[in-house]
Amino acid sequence: KHKNTANTIGAALFSSLLFFLITNFGVWLIGGLYPKTFTGLVNAYFYAIPFFRNTLMGDVFYTGLFFGGYEIMLKALKLKTQKSKVKTTT
């Protein structure tokens, strides 16, 4: 019911942000790269920012590709169905 471009892009951006927060928290918590302090947690997020940019770009691109492709296919199928109905009635 709420399928539109803004909601789809918003969901992709929110998913990217959630992935960023959870995975980098996990790297800080389990990995040995950063000290188990607040500063270490901030550093884990800070040094992951360049990767987050690529995640955002990839998620928005593939969301557009998949959802846009789906909508294009729906429109093409509707058009084909309408054309076949016109041919059968004439």
PDB file of N, CA and C in Angstrom:
ATOM      1  N   LYS A   1       0.813  -1.199   0.000  1.00  0.00           N
ATOM      2  CA  LYS A   1       0.000   0.000   0.000  1.00  0.00           C
ATOM      3  C   LYS A   1       0.854   1.260   0.000  1.00  0.00           C
ATOM      4  N   HIS A   2       2.026   1.173   0.588  1.00  0.00           N
ATOM      5  CA  HIS A   2       2.870   2.357   0.732  1.00  0.00           C
ATOM      6  C   HIS A   2       4.073   2.310  -0.201  1.00  0.00           C
ATOM      7  N   LYS A   3       3.922   1.642  -1.323  1.00  0.00           N
ATOM      8  CA  LYS A   3       5.045   1.483  -2.253  1.00  0.00           C
ATOM      9  C   LYS A   3       5.185   2.743  -3.101  1.00  0.00           C
ATOM     10  N   ASN A   4       6.249   3.476  -2.851  1.00  0.00           N
ATOM     11  CA  ASN A   4       6.583   4.619  -3.691  1.00  0.00           C
ATOM     12  C   ASN A   4       8.097   4.831  -3.643  1.00  0.00           C
ATOM     13  N   THR A   5       8.580   5.725  -4.455  1.00  0.00           N
ATOM     14  CA  THR A   5      10.019   5.928  -4.579  1.00  0.00           C
ATOM     15  C   THR A   5      10.645   6.391  -3.264  1.00  0.00           C
ATOM     16  N   ALA A   6      10.006   7.332  -2.593  1.00  0.00           N
ATOM     17  CA  ALA A   6      10.574   7.873  -1.354  1.00  0.00           C
ATOM     18  C   ALA A   6      10.669   6.784  -0.276  1.00  0.00           C
ATOM     19  N   ASN A   7       9.638   5.983  -0.124  1.00  0.00           N
ATOM     20  CA  ASN A   7       9.669   4.912   0.877  1.00  0.00           C
ATOM     21  C   ASN A   7      10.723   3.862   0.544  1.00  0.00           C
ATOM     22  N   THR A   8      10.853   3.534  -0.715  1.00  0.00           N
ATOM     23  CA  THR A   8      11.822   2.525  -1.132  1.00  0.00           C
ATOM     24  C   THR A   8      13.247   3.003  -0.889  1.00  0.00           C
ATOM     25  N   ILE A   9      13.544   4.232  -1.280  1.00  0.00           N
ATOM     26  CA  ILE A   9      14.886   4.777  -1.057  1.00  0.00           C
ATOM     27  C   ILE A   9      15.134   4.964   0.439  1.00  0.00           C
ATOM     28  N   GLY A  10      14.122   5.412   1.172  1.00  0.00           N
ATOM     29  CA  GLY A  10      14.252   5.565   2.616  1.00  0.00           C
ATOM     30  C   GLY A  10      14.558   4.252   3.305  1.00  0.00           C
ATOM     31  N   ALA A  11      13.898   3.189   2.879  1.00  0.00           N
ATOM     32  CA  ALA A  11      14.153   1.866   3.460  1.00  0.00           C
ATOM     33  C   ALA A  11      15.574   1.399   3.136  1.00  0.00           C
ATOM     34  N   ALA A  12      16.040   1.676   1.933  1.00  0.00           N
ATOM     35  CA  ALA A  12      17.407   1.294   1.559  1.00  0.00           C
ATOM     36  C   ALA A  12      18.423   2.053   2.404  1.00  0.00           C
ATOM     37  N   LEU A  13      18.206   3.343   2.600  1.00  0.00           N
ATOM     38  CA  LEU A  13      19.130   4.143   3.407  1.00  0.00           C
ATOM     39  C   LEU A  13      19.111   3.717   4.875  1.00  0.00           C
ATOM     40  N   PHE A  14      17.915   3.450   5.400  1.00  0.00           N
ATOM     41  CA  PHE A  14      17.802   3.001   6.783  1.00  0.00           C
ATOM     42  C   PHE A  14      18.487   1.650   6.971  1.00  0.00           C
ATOM     43  N   SER A  15      18.314   0.757   6.012  1.00  0.00           N
ATOM     44  CA  SER A  15      18.957  -0.559   6.093  1.00  0.00           C
ATOM     45  C   SER A  15      20.477  -0.433   6.072  1.00  0.00           C
ATOM     46  N   SER A  16      20.980   0.455   5.238  1.00  0.00           N
ATOM     47  CA  SER A  16      22.431   0.679   5.180  1.00  0.00           C
ATOM     48  C   SER A  16      22.950   1.212   6.511  1.00  0.00           C
ATOM     49  N   LEU A  17      22.228   2.161   7.078  1.00  0.00           N
ATOM     50  CA  LEU A  17      22.638   2.738   8.357  1.00  0.00           C
ATOM     51  C   LEU A  17      22.612   1.692   9.473  1.00  0.00           C
ATOM     52  N   LEU A  18      21.560   0.894   9.499  1.00  0.00           N
ATOM     53  CA  LEU A  18      21.451  -0.150  10.509  1.00  0.00           C
ATOM     54  C   LEU A  18      22.579  -1.173  10.372  1.00  0.00           C
ATOM     55  N   PHE A  19      22.883  -1.562   9.150  1.00  0.00           N
ATOM     56  CA  PHE A  19      23.993  -2.486   8.893  1.00  0.00           C
ATOM     57  C   PHE A  19      25.304  -1.884   9.383  1.00  0.00           C
ATOM     58  N   PHE A  20      25.523  -0.613   9.074  1.00  0.00           N
ATOM     59  CA  PHE A  20      26.743   0.087   9.498  1.00  0.00           C
ATOM     60  C   PHE A  20      26.878   0.071  11.018  1.00  0.00           C
ATOM     61  N   LEU A  21      25.804   0.415  11.708  1.00  0.00           N
ATOM     62  CA  LEU A  21      25.841   0.494  13.169  1.00  0.00           C
ATOM     63  C   LEU A  21      26.075  -0.871  13.814  1.00  0.00           C
ATOM     64  N   ILE A  22      25.372  -1.881  13.347  1.00  0.00           N
ATOM     65  CA  ILE A  22      25.470  -3.209  13.954  1.00  0.00           C
ATOM     66  C   ILE A  22      26.824  -3.861  13.676  1.00  0.00           C
ATOM     67  N   THR A  23      27.248  -3.840  12.428  1.00  0.00           N
ATOM     68  CA  THR A  23      28.496  -4.539  12.088  1.00  0.00           C
ATOM     69  C   THR A  23      29.721  -3.872  12.700  1.00  0.00           C
ATOM     70  N   ASN A  24      29.739  -2.556  12.724  1.00  0.00           N
ATOM     71  CA  ASN A  24      30.906  -1.888  13.307  1.00  0.00           C
ATOM     72  C   ASN A  24      30.915  -1.990  14.827  1.00  0.00           C
ATOM     73  N   PHE A  25      29.747  -2.083  15.430  1.00  0.00           N
ATOM     74  CA  PHE A  25      29.695  -2.368  16.865  1.00  0.00           C
ATOM     75  C   PHE A  25      30.263  -3.760  17.125  1.00  0.00           C
ATOM     76  N   GLY A  26      29.913  -4.700  16.265  1.00  0.00           N
ATOM     77  CA  GLY A  26      30.436  -6.058  16.390  1.00  0.00           C
ATOM     78  C   GLY A  26      31.942  -6.115  16.220  1.00  0.00           C
ATOM     79  N   VAL A  27      32.464  -5.348  15.278  1.00  0.00           N
ATOM     80  CA  VAL A  27      33.923  -5.301  15.083  1.00  0.00           C
ATOM     81  C   VAL A  27      34.592  -4.760  16.336  1.00  0.00           C
ATOM     82  N   TRP A  28      34.009  -3.729  16.926  1.00  0.00           N
ATOM     83  CA  TRP A  28      34.580  -3.159  18.150  1.00  0.00           C
ATOM     84  C   TRP A  28      34.474  -4.146  19.313  1.00  0.00           C
ATOM     85  N   LEU A  29      33.319  -4.813  19.424  1.00  0.00           N
ATOM     86  CA  LEU A  29      33.065  -5.690  20.561  1.00  0.00           C
ATOM     87  C   LEU A  29      33.892  -6.973  20.507  1.00  0.00           C
ATOM     88  N   ILE A  30      33.977  -7.578  19.342  1.00  0.00           N
ATOM     89  CA  ILE A  30      34.600  -8.899  19.219  1.00  0.00           C
ATOM     90  C   ILE A  30      36.033  -8.824  18.693  1.00  0.00           C
ATOM     91  N   GLY A  31      36.276  -7.899  17.784  1.00  0.00           N
ATOM     92  CA  GLY A  31      37.598  -7.815  17.167  1.00  0.00           C
ATOM     93  C   GLY A  31      38.643  -7.247  18.107  1.00  0.00           C
ATOM     94  N   GLY A  32      39.868  -7.317  17.673  1.00  0.00           N
ATOM     95  CA  GLY A  32      40.968  -6.821  18.484  1.00  0.00           C
ATOM     96  C   GLY A  32      41.583  -5.538  17.949  1.00  0.00           C
ATOM     97  N   LEU A  33      40.914  -4.885  16.991  1.00  0.00           N
ATOM     98  CA  LEU A  33      41.486  -3.687  16.382  1.00  0.00           C
ATOM     99  C   LEU A  33      41.379  -2.450  17.264  1.00  0.00           C
ATOM    100  N   TYR A  34      40.353  -2.383  18.075  1.00  0.00           N
ATOM    101  CA  TYR A  34      40.080  -1.182  18.857  1.00  0.00           C
ATOM    102  C   TYR A  34      39.969  -1.533  20.334  1.00  0.00           C
ATOM    103  N   PRO A  35      40.431  -0.622  21.207  1.00  0.00           N
ATOM    104  CA  PRO A  35      40.284  -0.876  22.646  1.00  0.00           C
ATOM    105  C   PRO A  35      38.807  -0.874  23.049  1.00  0.00           C
ATOM    106  N   LYS A  36      38.491  -1.589  24.096  1.00  0.00           N
ATOM    107  CA  LYS A  36      37.101  -1.701  24.556  1.00  0.00           C
ATOM    108  C   LYS A  36      36.745  -0.501  25.435  1.00  0.00           C
ATOM    109  N   THR A  37      36.876   0.684  24.846  1.00  0.00           N
ATOM    110  CA  THR A  37      36.530   1.937  25.510  1.00  0.00           C
ATOM    111  C   THR A  37      35.592   2.723  24.608  1.00  0.00           C
ATOM    112  N   PHE A  38      35.030   3.803  25.136  1.00  0.00           N
ATOM    113  CA  PHE A  38      34.169   4.649  24.313  1.00  0.00           C
ATOM    114  C   PHE A  38      34.949   5.227  23.134  1.00  0.00           C
ATOM    115  N   THR A  39      36.174   5.614  23.375  1.00  0.00           N
ATOM    116  CA  THR A  39      37.027   6.144  22.298  1.00  0.00           C
ATOM    117  C   THR A  39      37.272   5.076  21.237  1.00  0.00           C
ATOM    118  N   GLY A  40      37.474   3.855  21.658  1.00  0.00           N
ATOM    119  CA  GLY A  40      37.651   2.763  20.705  1.00  0.00           C
ATOM    120  C   GLY A  40      36.405   2.552  19.861  1.00  0.00           C
ATOM    121  N   LEU A  41      35.230   2.662  20.480  1.00  0.00           N
ATOM    122  CA  LEU A  41      33.971   2.525  19.740  1.00  0.00           C
ATOM    123  C   LEU A  41      33.823   3.647  18.725  1.00  0.00           C
ATOM    124  N   VAL A  42      34.128   4.870  19.142  1.00  0.00           N
ATOM    125  CA  VAL A  42      34.054   6.015  18.224  1.00  0.00           C
ATOM    126  C   VAL A  42      35.028   5.813  17.064  1.00  0.00           C
ATOM    127  N   ASN A  43      36.227   5.337  17.352  1.00  0.00           N
ATOM    128  CA  ASN A  43      37.208   5.081  16.291  1.00  0.00           C
ATOM    129  C   ASN A  43      36.730   3.997  15.330  1.00  0.00           C
ATOM    130  N   ALA A  44      36.083   2.984  15.857  1.00  0.00           N
ATOM    131  CA  ALA A  44      35.569   1.912  14.989  1.00  0.00           C
ATOM    132  C   ALA A  44      34.559   2.472  13.988  1.00  0.00           C
ATOM    133  N   TYR A  45      33.688   3.345  14.451  1.00  0.00           N
ATOM    134  CA  TYR A  45      32.726   3.975  13.540  1.00  0.00           C
ATOM    135  C   TYR A  45      33.403   4.975  12.608  1.00  0.00           C
ATOM    136  N   PHE A  46      34.319   5.760  13.147  1.00  0.00           N
ATOM    137  CA  PHE A  46      34.980   6.788  12.346  1.00  0.00           C
ATOM    138  C   PHE A  46      35.755   6.185  11.178  1.00  0.00           C
ATOM    139  N   TYR A  47      36.533   5.155  11.453  1.00  0.00           N
ATOM    140  CA  TYR A  47      37.359   4.565  10.402  1.00  0.00           C
ATOM    141  C   TYR A  47      36.551   3.728   9.408  1.00  0.00           C
ATOM    142  N   ALA A  48      35.300   3.480   9.707  1.00  0.00           N
ATOM    143  CA  ALA A  48      34.440   2.733   8.787  1.00  0.00           C
ATOM    144  C   ALA A  48      33.660   3.645   7.847  1.00  0.00           C
ATOM    145  N   ILE A  49      33.726   4.956   8.048  1.00  0.00           N
ATOM    146  CA  ILE A  49      32.938   5.888   7.225  1.00  0.00           C
ATOM    147  C   ILE A  49      33.218   5.748   5.728  1.00  0.00           C
ATOM    148  N   PRO A  50      34.476   5.623   5.272  1.00  0.00           N
ATOM    149  CA  PRO A  50      34.687   5.465   3.822  1.00  0.00           C
ATOM    150  C   PRO A  50      33.983   4.232   3.244  1.00  0.00           C
ATOM    151  N   PHE A  51      33.893   3.174   4.024  1.00  0.00           N
ATOM    152  CA  PHE A  51      33.200   1.966   3.565  1.00  0.00           C
ATOM    153  C   PHE A  51      31.696   2.183   3.545  1.00  0.00           C
ATOM    154  N   PHE A  52      31.212   2.997   4.460  1.00  0.00           N
ATOM    155  CA  PHE A  52      29.775   3.288   4.528  1.00  0.00           C
ATOM    156  C   PHE A  52      29.309   4.018   3.273  1.00  0.00           C
ATOM    157  N   ARG A  53      30.120   4.903   2.761  1.00  0.00           N
ATOM    158  CA  ARG A  53      29.774   5.626   1.526  1.00  0.00           C
ATOM    159  C   ARG A  53      29.553   4.631   0.386  1.00  0.00           C
ATOM    160  N   ASN A  54      30.444   3.667   0.264  1.00  0.00           N
ATOM    161  CA  ASN A  54      30.305   2.665  -0.788  1.00  0.00           C
ATOM    162  C   ASN A  54      29.078   1.782  -0.561  1.00  0.00           C
ATOM    163  N   THR A  55      28.799   1.465   0.690  1.00  0.00           N
ATOM    164  CA  THR A  55      27.605   0.680   1.014  1.00  0.00           C
ATOM    165  C   THR A  55      26.352   1.432   0.601  1.00  0.00           C
ATOM    166  N   LEU A  56      26.290   2.710   0.938  1.00  0.00           N
ATOM    167  CA  LEU A  56      25.125   3.524   0.568  1.00  0.00           C
ATOM    168  C   LEU A  56      24.933   3.569  -0.944  1.00  0.00           C
ATOM    169  N   MET A  57      26.008   3.837  -1.652  1.00  0.00           N
ATOM    170  CA  MET A  57      25.908   3.933  -3.115  1.00  0.00           C
ATOM    171  C   MET A  57      25.457   2.602  -3.719  1.00  0.00           C
ATOM    172  N   GLY A  58      26.014   1.507  -3.243  1.00  0.00           N
ATOM    173  CA  GLY A  58      25.639   0.195  -3.757  1.00  0.00           C
ATOM    174  C   GLY A  58      24.201  -0.159  -3.434  1.00  0.00           C
ATOM    175  N   ASP A  59      23.780   0.115  -2.211  1.00  0.00           N
ATOM    176  CA  ASP A  59      22.406  -0.210  -1.813  1.00  0.00           C
ATOM    177  C   ASP A  59      21.388   0.600  -2.604  1.00  0.00           C
ATOM    178  N   VAL A  60      21.643   1.887  -2.779  1.00  0.00           N
ATOM    179  CA  VAL A  60      20.713   2.723  -3.548  1.00  0.00           C
ATOM    180  C   VAL A  60      20.695   2.280  -5.009  1.00  0.00           C
ATOM    181  N   PHE A  61      21.858   1.968  -5.565  1.00  0.00           N
ATOM    182  CA  PHE A  61      21.920   1.518  -6.963  1.00  0.00           C
ATOM    183  C   PHE A  61      21.135   0.225  -7.168  1.00  0.00           C
ATOM    184  N   TYR A  62      21.407  -0.772  -6.331  1.00  0.00           N
ATOM    185  CA  TYR A  62      20.738  -2.061  -6.517  1.00  0.00           C
ATOM    186  C   TYR A  62      19.259  -2.013  -6.136  1.00  0.00           C
ATOM    187  N   THR A  63      18.903  -1.179  -5.179  1.00  0.00           N
ATOM    188  CA  THR A  63      17.483  -1.006  -4.865  1.00  0.00           C
ATOM    189  C   THR A  63      16.766  -0.425  -6.070  1.00  0.00           C
ATOM    190  N   GLY A  64      17.359   0.594  -6.674  1.00  0.00           N
ATOM    191  CA  GLY A  64      16.775   1.172  -7.887  1.00  0.00           C
ATOM    192  C   GLY A  64      16.704   0.171  -9.022  1.00  0.00           C
ATOM    193  N   LEU A  65      17.756  -0.609  -9.187  1.00  0.00           N
ATOM    194  CA  LEU A  65      17.797  -1.602 -10.250  1.00  0.00           C
ATOM    195  C   LEU A  65      16.712  -2.666 -10.068  1.00  0.00           C
ATOM    196  N   PHE A  66      16.626  -3.231  -8.873  1.00  0.00           N
ATOM    197  CA  PHE A  66      15.671  -4.312  -8.635  1.00  0.00           C
ATOM    198  C   PHE A  66      14.227  -3.823  -8.599  1.00  0.00           C
ATOM    199  N   PHE A  67      13.962  -2.786  -7.812  1.00  0.00           N
ATOM    200  CA  PHE A  67      12.591  -2.298  -7.711  1.00  0.00           C
ATOM    201  C   PHE A  67      12.160  -1.583  -8.985  1.00  0.00           C
ATOM    202  N   GLY A  68      13.076  -0.828  -9.589  1.00  0.00           N
ATOM    203  CA  GLY A  68      12.768  -0.172 -10.861  1.00  0.00           C
ATOM    204  C   GLY A  68      12.537  -1.197 -11.957  1.00  0.00           C
ATOM    205  N   GLY A  69      13.372  -2.217 -12.008  1.00  0.00           N
ATOM    206  CA  GLY A  69      13.195  -3.283 -12.996  1.00  0.00           C
ATOM    207  C   GLY A  69      11.881  -4.012 -12.819  1.00  0.00           C
ATOM    208  N   TYR A  70      11.513  -4.230 -11.578  1.00  0.00           N
ATOM    209  CA  TYR A  70      10.229  -4.884 -11.282  1.00  0.00           C
ATOM    210  C   TYR A  70       9.066  -4.042 -11.790  1.00  0.00           C
ATOM    211  N   GLU A  71       9.105  -2.747 -11.521  1.00  0.00           N
ATOM    212  CA  GLU A  71       8.026  -1.864 -11.969  1.00  0.00           C
ATOM    213  C   GLU A  71       7.977  -1.776 -13.496  1.00  0.00           C
ATOM    214  N   ILE A  72       9.120  -1.747 -14.137  1.00  0.00           N
ATOM    215  CA  ILE A  72       9.162  -1.717 -15.603  1.00  0.00           C
ATOM    216  C   ILE A  72       8.562  -2.996 -16.174  1.00  0.00           C
ATOM    217  N   MET A  73       8.894  -4.131 -15.572  1.00  0.00           N
ATOM    218  CA  MET A  73       8.333  -5.399 -16.040  1.00  0.00           C
ATOM    219  C   MET A  73       6.817  -5.442 -15.845  1.00  0.00           C
ATOM    220  N   LEU A  74       6.327  -4.919 -14.720  1.00  0.00           N
ATOM    221  CA  LEU A  74       4.878  -4.875 -14.502  1.00  0.00           C
ATOM    222  C   LEU A  74       4.187  -4.043 -15.566  1.00  0.00           C
ATOM    223  N   LYS A  75       4.745  -2.883 -15.862  1.00  0.00           N
ATOM    224  CA  LYS A  75       4.150  -2.018 -16.887  1.00  0.00           C
ATOM    225  C   LYS A  75       4.204  -2.682 -18.257  1.00  0.00           C
ATOM    226  N   ALA A  76       5.297  -3.358 -18.556  1.00  0.00           N
ATOM    227  CA  ALA A  76       5.419  -4.041 -19.848  1.00  0.00           C
ATOM    228  C   ALA A  76       4.398  -5.170 -19.954  1.00  0.00           C
ATOM    229  N   LEU A  77       4.198  -5.916 -18.868  1.00  0.00           N
ATOM    230  CA  LEU A  77       3.214  -6.996 -18.894  1.00  0.00           C
ATOM    231  C   LEU A  77       1.795  -6.459 -19.027  1.00  0.00           C
ATOM    232  N   LYS A  78       1.497  -5.361 -18.356  1.00  0.00           N
ATOM    233  CA  LYS A  78       0.170  -4.746 -18.481  1.00  0.00           C
ATOM    234  C   LYS A  78      -0.059  -4.269 -19.900  1.00  0.00           C
ATOM    235  N   LEU A  79       0.950  -3.649 -20.500  1.00  0.00           N
ATOM    236  CA  LEU A  79       0.836  -3.169 -21.877  1.00  0.00           C
ATOM    237  C   LEU A  79       0.639  -4.338 -22.838  1.00  0.00           C
ATOM    238  N   LYS A  80       1.375  -5.409 -22.640  1.00  0.00           N
ATOM    239  CA  LYS A  80       1.246  -6.588 -23.495  1.00  0.00           C
ATOM    240  C   LYS A  80      -0.143  -7.203 -23.352  1.00  0.00           C
ATOM    241  N   THR A  81      -0.644  -7.257 -22.116  1.00  0.00           N
ATOM    242  CA  THR A  81      -1.982  -7.800 -21.877  1.00  0.00           C
ATOM    243  C   THR A  81      -3.038  -6.939 -22.548  1.00  0.00           C
ATOM    244  N   GLN A  82      -2.881  -5.616 -22.458  1.00  0.00           N
ATOM    245  CA  GLN A  82      -3.838  -4.719 -23.100  1.00  0.00           C
ATOM    246  C   GLN A  82      -3.803  -4.872 -24.616  1.00  0.00           C
ATOM    247  N   LYS A  83      -2.636  -5.029 -25.195  1.00  0.00           N
ATOM    248  CA  LYS A  83      -2.509  -5.191 -26.645  1.00  0.00           C
ATOM    249  C   LYS A  83      -3.137  -6.510 -27.094  1.00  0.00           C
ATOM    250  N   SER A  84      -2.938  -7.569 -26.327  1.00  0.00           N
ATOM    251  CA  SER A  84      -3.526  -8.858 -26.711  1.00  0.00           C
ATOM    252  C   SER A  84      -5.036  -8.828 -26.582  1.00  0.00           C
ATOM    253  N   LYS A  85      -5.575  -8.093 -25.621  1.00  0.00           N
ATOM    254  CA  LYS A  85      -7.023  -7.958 -25.491  1.00  0.00           C
ATOM    255  C   LYS A  85      -7.604  -7.197 -26.667  1.00  0.00           C
ATOM    256  N   VAL A  86      -6.900  -6.171 -27.137  1.00  0.00           N
ATOM    257  CA  VAL A  86      -7.362  -5.391 -28.276  1.00  0.00           C
ATOM    258  C   VAL A  86      -7.368  -6.256 -29.525  1.00  0.00           C
ATOM    259  N   LYS A  87      -6.342  -7.094 -29.718  1.00  0.00           N
ATOM    260  CA  LYS A  87      -6.256  -7.950 -30.884  1.00  0.00           C
ATOM    261  C   LYS A  87      -7.352  -9.011 -30.882  1.00  0.00           C
ATOM    262  N   THR A  88      -7.698  -9.541 -29.722  1.00  0.00           N
ATOM    263  CA  THR A  88      -8.716 -10.595 -29.671  1.00  0.00           C
ATOM    264  C   THR A  88     -10.112 -10.031 -29.857  1.00  0.00           C
ATOM    265  N   THR A  89     -10.350  -8.774 -29.512  1.00  0.00           N
ATOM    266  CA  THR A  89     -11.683  -8.192 -29.675  1.00  0.00           C
ATOM    267  C   THR A  89     -11.899  -7.645 -31.071  1.00  0.00           C
ATOM    268  N   THR A  90     -10.850  -7.423 -31.853  1.00  0.00           N
ATOM    269  CA  THR A  90     -11.034  -6.893 -33.205  1.00  0.00           C
ATOM    270  C   THR A  90     -11.056  -7.965 -34.238  1.00  0.00           C
TER     271      THR A  90
END
